[in-house]
Protein backbone atom coordinates (compact mmCIF):
# COMPACT_ATOMS: atom_id res chain seq x y z
CA MET A 1 17.61 13.43 25.11
CA SER A 2 17.86 16.31 22.66
CA THR A 3 14.93 17.15 20.45
CA SER A 4 14.92 18.60 16.94
CA PRO A 5 13.79 22.36 17.10
CA VAL A 6 11.84 21.99 13.98
CA MET A 7 9.79 18.84 14.69
CA GLY A 8 9.92 18.29 18.28
CA PHE A 9 11.20 14.64 17.76
CA PRO A 10 14.23 13.33 19.45
CA ALA A 11 17.30 14.17 17.29
CA SER A 12 18.57 10.63 17.49
CA SER A 13 15.34 9.39 16.00
CA LEU A 14 15.56 11.73 13.06
CA HIS A 15 19.08 10.57 12.41
CA ASP A 16 18.03 6.87 12.61
CA LEU A 17 15.17 7.70 10.13
CA ALA A 18 17.53 9.42 7.77
CA ARG A 19 19.94 6.57 7.93
CA GLN A 20 17.20 3.98 7.19
CA ARG A 21 15.91 6.03 4.30
CA ALA A 22 19.43 6.24 2.88
CA THR A 23 19.87 2.47 3.22
CA VAL A 24 16.66 1.89 1.50
CA VAL A 25 17.60 4.22 -1.39
CA THR A 26 20.99 2.47 -1.68
CA GLU A 27 19.36 -1.00 -1.58
CA ASP A 28 16.85 0.00 -4.31
CA GLU A 29 19.69 1.38 -6.44
CA ALA A 30 21.59 -1.78 -5.97
CA VAL A 31 18.64 -3.86 -7.00
CA ARG A 32 18.30 -1.75 -10.11
CA ASN A 33 21.97 -2.15 -11.00
CA LEU A 34 21.77 -5.95 -10.50
CA ALA A 35 18.70 -5.97 -12.76
CA ARG A 36 20.51 -4.04 -15.42
CA SER A 37 23.59 -6.27 -15.17
CA LEU A 38 21.28 -9.47 -15.36
CA VAL A 39 19.56 -8.13 -18.53
CA ARG A 40 23.07 -7.22 -20.18
CA ARG A 41 24.41 -10.75 -19.33
CA VAL A 42 21.30 -12.59 -20.59
CA MET A 43 21.49 -10.60 -23.85
CA GLU A 44 25.06 -11.53 -24.15
CA LEU A 45 24.21 -15.21 -23.82
CA ASN A 46 21.54 -14.72 -26.39
CA ASP A 47 24.32 -13.35 -28.62
CA GLY A 48 22.56 -9.99 -28.63
CA GLY A 49 20.18 -11.67 -31.07
CA SER A 50 17.47 -10.26 -32.83
CA VAL A 51 14.27 -9.23 -31.06
CA GLN A 52 12.23 -12.28 -30.44
CA ARG A 53 9.04 -12.85 -28.46
CA LYS A 54 10.13 -15.86 -26.57
CA PRO A 55 11.40 -15.27 -23.05
CA LEU A 56 15.25 -14.99 -22.69
CA LEU A 57 14.81 -15.96 -19.02
CA ASP A 58 11.95 -17.28 -16.89
CA VAL A 59 12.73 -18.09 -13.33
CA THR A 60 10.84 -18.32 -10.06
CA GLU A 61 12.76 -17.91 -6.87
CA HIS A 62 11.21 -17.39 -3.38
CA GLY A 63 7.84 -16.96 -4.90
CA VAL A 64 8.92 -14.17 -7.29
CA ARG A 65 8.77 -14.63 -11.00
CA CYS A 66 11.42 -13.08 -13.13
CA LEU A 67 10.61 -12.98 -16.83
CA LEU A 68 12.86 -11.28 -19.30
CA VAL A 69 11.14 -10.91 -22.73
CA PRO A 70 12.84 -8.73 -25.42
CA VAL A 71 10.76 -5.90 -26.93
CA ALA A 72 11.23 -4.07 -30.17
CA PRO A 73 12.14 -0.50 -29.83
CA GLU A 74 9.47 2.07 -30.51
CA PRO A 75 9.92 3.69 -34.00
CA HIS A 76 10.50 7.10 -32.51
CA ASP A 77 13.41 5.67 -30.34
CA LEU A 78 15.20 4.72 -33.55
CA LEU A 79 15.54 8.30 -34.92
CA SER A 80 18.24 10.93 -34.22
CA PRO A 81 16.91 14.39 -32.91
CA ARG A 82 17.45 15.87 -36.43
CA GLU A 83 15.57 12.90 -38.03
CA HIS A 84 12.80 13.57 -35.51
CA GLU A 85 12.63 17.16 -36.61
CA VAL A 86 12.46 16.22 -40.38
CA ALA A 87 9.80 13.59 -39.74
CA ARG A 88 7.78 15.95 -37.74
CA MET A 89 7.81 18.45 -40.56
CA VAL A 90 6.83 15.80 -43.04
CA GLY A 91 3.92 14.97 -40.75
CA ARG A 92 2.83 18.66 -40.89
CA GLY A 93 2.84 18.52 -44.81
CA TYR A 94 6.16 20.25 -45.45
CA THR A 95 7.94 19.34 -48.77
CA ASN A 96 11.66 18.44 -48.78
CA LYS A 97 12.38 21.88 -50.33
CA GLN A 98 10.45 23.62 -47.46
CA ILE A 99 12.25 21.59 -44.88
CA ALA A 100 15.60 22.49 -46.27
CA GLY A 101 14.61 26.17 -46.24
CA VAL A 102 13.26 26.08 -42.61
CA LEU A 103 16.18 24.09 -41.24
CA GLU A 104 18.70 25.83 -43.36
CA ILE A 105 20.21 22.65 -44.74
CA SER A 106 20.61 21.58 -48.31
CA LEU A 107 17.94 19.59 -50.22
CA ASN A 108 20.49 16.70 -50.51
CA THR A 109 20.75 16.64 -46.69
CA VAL A 110 17.06 16.36 -46.35
CA SER A 111 16.84 13.66 -48.80
CA ALA A 112 19.73 11.76 -46.81
CA HIS A 113 17.65 12.12 -43.67
CA MET A 114 14.53 10.84 -45.39
CA ARG A 115 16.43 7.87 -46.66
CA ARG A 116 17.79 7.03 -43.16
CA ILE A 117 14.27 7.50 -41.63
CA PHE A 118 12.73 5.12 -44.30
CA THR A 119 15.51 2.51 -43.65
CA LYS A 120 15.24 2.72 -39.86
CA LEU A 121 11.43 2.42 -39.90
CA GLY A 122 11.35 -0.18 -42.73
CA VAL A 123 8.82 2.03 -44.82
CA GLY A 124 8.89 3.16 -48.36
CA SER A 125 6.74 6.27 -48.46
CA ARG A 126 6.17 9.62 -46.50
CA ALA A 127 2.69 8.39 -45.66
CA ALA A 128 3.88 5.07 -44.20
CA MET A 129 6.64 6.94 -42.28
CA VAL A 130 4.07 9.24 -40.64
CA ALA A 131 1.85 6.20 -39.98
CA ALA A 132 4.72 4.34 -38.36
CA LEU A 133 5.58 7.30 -36.08
CA THR A 134 1.97 7.94 -35.08
CA GLY A 135 1.00 4.32 -34.62
CA GLU A 136 -1.70 4.44 -37.39
CA ASN A 137 -2.54 1.27 -39.23
CA LEU A 138 -2.88 2.12 -43.04
CA ALA A 139 -4.34 -1.35 -43.74
CA ALA A 140 -7.19 -0.52 -41.27
CA GLY A 141 -8.36 2.39 -43.37
């Protein structure tokens, strides 16, 4: 029986261990892919509907409960990288004119970014936009 020069273990045992580890990784990836496929299919059956809090699927199999509940995306996930940049500058107190100068874009482009940000976040002011992105509750103040 040959041994590994590095570890002193039998070479066949190392190969078996490597094969087992590769199998586990492959099985884990297969489970992830199945879960992704399941979620996509359930969403299709739900007509890709609006985000609701009621479960799309609630199944118990072999003592394991699978519960699929849609969640609303986080506000920052809705914005493009450029919109993030503009919003971050607004949060730091920059005016639209200052943002245009720093980013070397027109004032109209900054205004367009602001309109899209407001629409995506469902807000109507700069303060509400910053609060939505930082998770602050303006009503609590």
